[in-house]
Amino acid sequence: MTLIESSVMDPATTICRNPEIMFTELGDKTMTMNIETGNYHELNSIGSAIWREIEQPVQIDLLRDRLCNRYDVSPEQCLSEMSDFLTELSALQMVVVGKEQTGN
């Protein structure tokens, strides 16, 4: 599994949930559990919104645009905070990271 680093987040990078992560939504929060490691985490409402958005692979720039449309945040601030969050999820093996394939 590839790890991402916040400082080198490429807009063409795709990200999606690790299918091995179990989760349940509790109101506006999401509880996740990595079955392999036994680690669990609680995502706040914005983390939960991102979690829902990455059900299927999505490019970083599209995810940023979706979040900017949903919340009152500049693209720069959104990308910075989203990058930190996705870097943390990556380190916890909760997401799968790749590059967008071109030429179908």
C-alpha atoms as a PDB file:
ATOM      1  CA  MET A   1       0.000   0.000   0.000  1.00  0.00           C
ATOM      2  CA  THR A   2       1.367   3.379  -0.995  1.00  0.00           C
ATOM      3  CA  LEU A   3       1.676   6.111   1.603  1.00  0.00           C
ATOM      4  CA  ILE A   4       1.136   9.750   0.788  1.00  0.00           C
ATOM      5  CA  GLU A   5       2.921  12.719   2.219  1.00  0.00           C
ATOM      6  CA  SER A   6       1.085  15.985   2.706  1.00  0.00           C
ATOM      7  CA  SER A   7       3.916  18.041   1.247  1.00  0.00           C
ATOM      8  CA  VAL A   8       3.900  16.172  -2.075  1.00  0.00           C
ATOM      9  CA  MET A   9       0.171  15.685  -2.633  1.00  0.00           C
ATOM     10  CA  ASP A  10      -0.375  15.633  -6.394  1.00  0.00           C
ATOM     11  CA  PRO A  11      -3.785  16.792  -7.690  1.00  0.00           C
ATOM     12  CA  ALA A  12      -3.852  13.772 -10.037  1.00  0.00           C
ATOM     13  CA  THR A  13      -3.417  11.336  -7.156  1.00  0.00           C
ATOM     14  CA  THR A  14      -6.457   9.171  -6.552  1.00  0.00           C
ATOM     15  CA  ILE A  15      -7.544   8.052  -3.142  1.00  0.00           C
ATOM     16  CA  CYS A  16     -10.213   5.684  -1.863  1.00  0.00           C
ATOM     17  CA  ARG A  17     -11.098   3.769   1.276  1.00  0.00           C
ATOM     18  CA  ASN A  18      -9.188   0.632   2.131  1.00  0.00           C
ATOM     19  CA  PRO A  19     -11.855  -2.059   1.605  1.00  0.00           C
ATOM     20  CA  GLU A  20     -10.558  -3.905   4.670  1.00  0.00           C
ATOM     21  CA  ILE A  21     -11.688  -1.105   6.992  1.00  0.00           C
ATOM     22  CA  MET A  22     -14.992  -1.695   8.746  1.00  0.00           C
ATOM     23  CA  PHE A  23     -17.027   1.384   9.633  1.00  0.00           C
ATOM     24  CA  THR A  24     -20.361   2.564  10.906  1.00  0.00           C
ATOM     25  CA  GLU A  25     -21.935   5.987  10.884  1.00  0.00           C
ATOM     26  CA  LEU A  26     -23.235   7.331  14.191  1.00  0.00           C
ATOM     27  CA  GLY A  27     -25.060  10.576  13.545  1.00  0.00           C
ATOM     28  CA  ASP A  28     -22.578  12.935  11.920  1.00  0.00           C
ATOM     29  CA  LYS A  29     -19.569  10.883  13.072  1.00  0.00           C
ATOM     30  CA  THR A  30     -18.041   7.692  11.695  1.00  0.00           C
ATOM     31  CA  MET A  31     -16.352   4.929  13.666  1.00  0.00           C
ATOM     32  CA  THR A  32     -13.755   2.919  11.736  1.00  0.00           C
ATOM     33  CA  MET A  33     -11.913  -0.271  12.615  1.00  0.00           C
ATOM     34  CA  ASN A  34      -8.954  -1.865  10.910  1.00  0.00           C
ATOM     35  CA  ILE A  35      -9.624  -5.576  11.369  1.00  0.00           C
ATOM     36  CA  GLU A  36      -6.002  -6.467  10.683  1.00  0.00           C
ATOM     37  CA  THR A  37      -4.528  -4.166  13.342  1.00  0.00           C
ATOM     38  CA  GLY A  38      -7.506  -3.865  15.693  1.00  0.00           C
ATOM     39  CA  ASN A  39      -7.150  -0.075  15.646  1.00  0.00           C
ATOM     40  CA  TYR A  40     -10.273   2.017  15.627  1.00  0.00           C
ATOM     41  CA  HIS A  41     -10.860   5.721  15.080  1.00  0.00           C
ATOM     42  CA  GLU A  42     -13.668   8.212  15.327  1.00  0.00           C
ATOM     43  CA  LEU A  43     -14.037  10.647  12.451  1.00  0.00           C
ATOM     44  CA  ASN A  44     -15.736  13.984  13.083  1.00  0.00           C
ATOM     45  CA  SER A  45     -18.393  15.342  10.732  1.00  0.00           C
ATOM     46  CA  ILE A  46     -15.917  16.693   8.163  1.00  0.00           C
ATOM     47  CA  GLY A  47     -13.776  13.562   8.348  1.00  0.00           C
ATOM     48  CA  SER A  48     -16.973  11.556   7.853  1.00  0.00           C
ATOM     49  CA  ALA A  49     -17.867  13.655   4.801  1.00  0.00           C
ATOM     50  CA  ILE A  50     -14.443  12.920   3.312  1.00  0.00           C
ATOM     51  CA  TRP A  51     -14.852   9.218   4.184  1.00  0.00           C
ATOM     52  CA  ARG A  52     -18.132   9.129   2.239  1.00  0.00           C
ATOM     53  CA  GLU A  53     -16.543  10.941  -0.725  1.00  0.00           C
ATOM     54  CA  ILE A  54     -13.723   8.397  -1.016  1.00  0.00           C
ATOM     55  CA  GLU A  55     -15.968   5.336  -1.194  1.00  0.00           C
ATOM     56  CA  GLN A  56     -14.848   5.101  -4.834  1.00  0.00           C
ATOM     57  CA  PRO A  57     -11.459   6.320  -6.122  1.00  0.00           C
ATOM     58  CA  VAL A  58     -11.462  10.092  -6.530  1.00  0.00           C
ATOM     59  CA  GLN A  59      -8.742  12.508  -7.614  1.00  0.00           C
ATOM     60  CA  ILE A  60      -7.421  14.863  -4.943  1.00  0.00           C
ATOM     61  CA  ASP A  61      -8.344  17.963  -6.946  1.00  0.00           C
ATOM     62  CA  LEU A  62     -11.931  16.766  -7.458  1.00  0.00           C
ATOM     63  CA  LEU A  63     -12.248  15.918  -3.767  1.00  0.00           C
ATOM     64  CA  ARG A  64     -10.965  19.396  -2.874  1.00  0.00           C
ATOM     65  CA  ASP A  65     -13.480  21.006  -5.232  1.00  0.00           C
ATOM     66  CA  ARG A  66     -16.360  18.992  -3.761  1.00  0.00           C
ATOM     67  CA  LEU A  67     -15.402  19.991  -0.219  1.00  0.00           C
ATOM     68  CA  CYS A  68     -14.988  23.671  -1.176  1.00  0.00           C
ATOM     69  CA  ASN A  69     -18.482  23.614  -2.655  1.00  0.00           C
ATOM     70  CA  ARG A  70     -19.871  22.068   0.523  1.00  0.00           C
ATOM     71  CA  TYR A  71     -18.021  24.157   3.123  1.00  0.00           C
ATOM     72  CA  ASP A  72     -17.052  27.823   3.308  1.00  0.00           C
ATOM     73  CA  VAL A  73     -13.318  27.312   2.824  1.00  0.00           C
ATOM     74  CA  SER A  74     -10.716  28.512   0.334  1.00  0.00           C
ATOM     75  CA  PRO A  75      -9.204  25.920  -2.018  1.00  0.00           C
ATOM     76  CA  GLU A  76      -5.780  26.493  -0.437  1.00  0.00           C
ATOM     77  CA  GLN A  77      -6.989  25.967   3.132  1.00  0.00           C
ATOM     78  CA  CYS A  78      -9.104  23.005   2.073  1.00  0.00           C
ATOM     79  CA  LEU A  79      -6.178  21.322   0.315  1.00  0.00           C
ATOM     80  CA  SER A  80      -3.879  21.936   3.284  1.00  0.00           C
ATOM     81  CA  GLU A  81      -6.265  20.515   5.875  1.00  0.00           C
ATOM     82  CA  MET A  82      -7.466  17.712   3.608  1.00  0.00           C
ATOM     83  CA  SER A  83      -3.844  16.768   2.887  1.00  0.00           C
ATOM     84  CA  ASP A  84      -3.043  16.517   6.595  1.00  0.00           C
ATOM     85  CA  PHE A  85      -6.121  14.350   7.183  1.00  0.00           C
ATOM     86  CA  LEU A  86      -5.465  12.064   4.200  1.00  0.00           C
ATOM     87  CA  THR A  87      -1.816  11.724   5.173  1.00  0.00           C
ATOM     88  CA  GLU A  88      -2.940  10.546   8.614  1.00  0.00           C
ATOM     89  CA  LEU A  89      -5.417   8.071   7.083  1.00  0.00           C
ATOM     90  CA  SER A  90      -2.685   6.812   4.780  1.00  0.00           C
ATOM     91  CA  ALA A  91      -0.295   6.254   7.682  1.00  0.00           C
ATOM     92  CA  LEU A  92      -3.054   4.275   9.429  1.00  0.00           C
ATOM     93  CA  GLN A  93      -3.563   2.163   6.266  1.00  0.00           C
ATOM     94  CA  MET A  94      -7.165   3.334   6.015  1.00  0.00           C
ATOM     95  CA  VAL A  95      -6.931   4.491   2.384  1.00  0.00           C
ATOM     96  CA  VAL A  96      -5.538   3.251  -0.909  1.00  0.00           C
ATOM     97  CA  VAL A  97      -3.542   5.775  -2.900  1.00  0.00           C
ATOM     98  CA  GLY A  98      -2.749   5.688  -6.611  1.00  0.00           C
ATOM     99  CA  LYS A  99      -2.357   7.690  -9.782  1.00  0.00           C
ATOM    100  CA  GLU A 100      -5.182   8.363 -12.221  1.00  0.00           C
ATOM    101  CA  GLN A 101      -4.931   6.070 -15.216  1.00  0.00           C
ATOM    102  CA  THR A 102      -5.030   7.784 -18.596  1.00  0.00           C
ATOM    103  CA  GLY A 103      -6.115   6.314 -21.916  1.00  0.00           C
ATOM    104  CA  ASN A 104      -8.966   3.904 -21.199  1.00  0.00           C
END
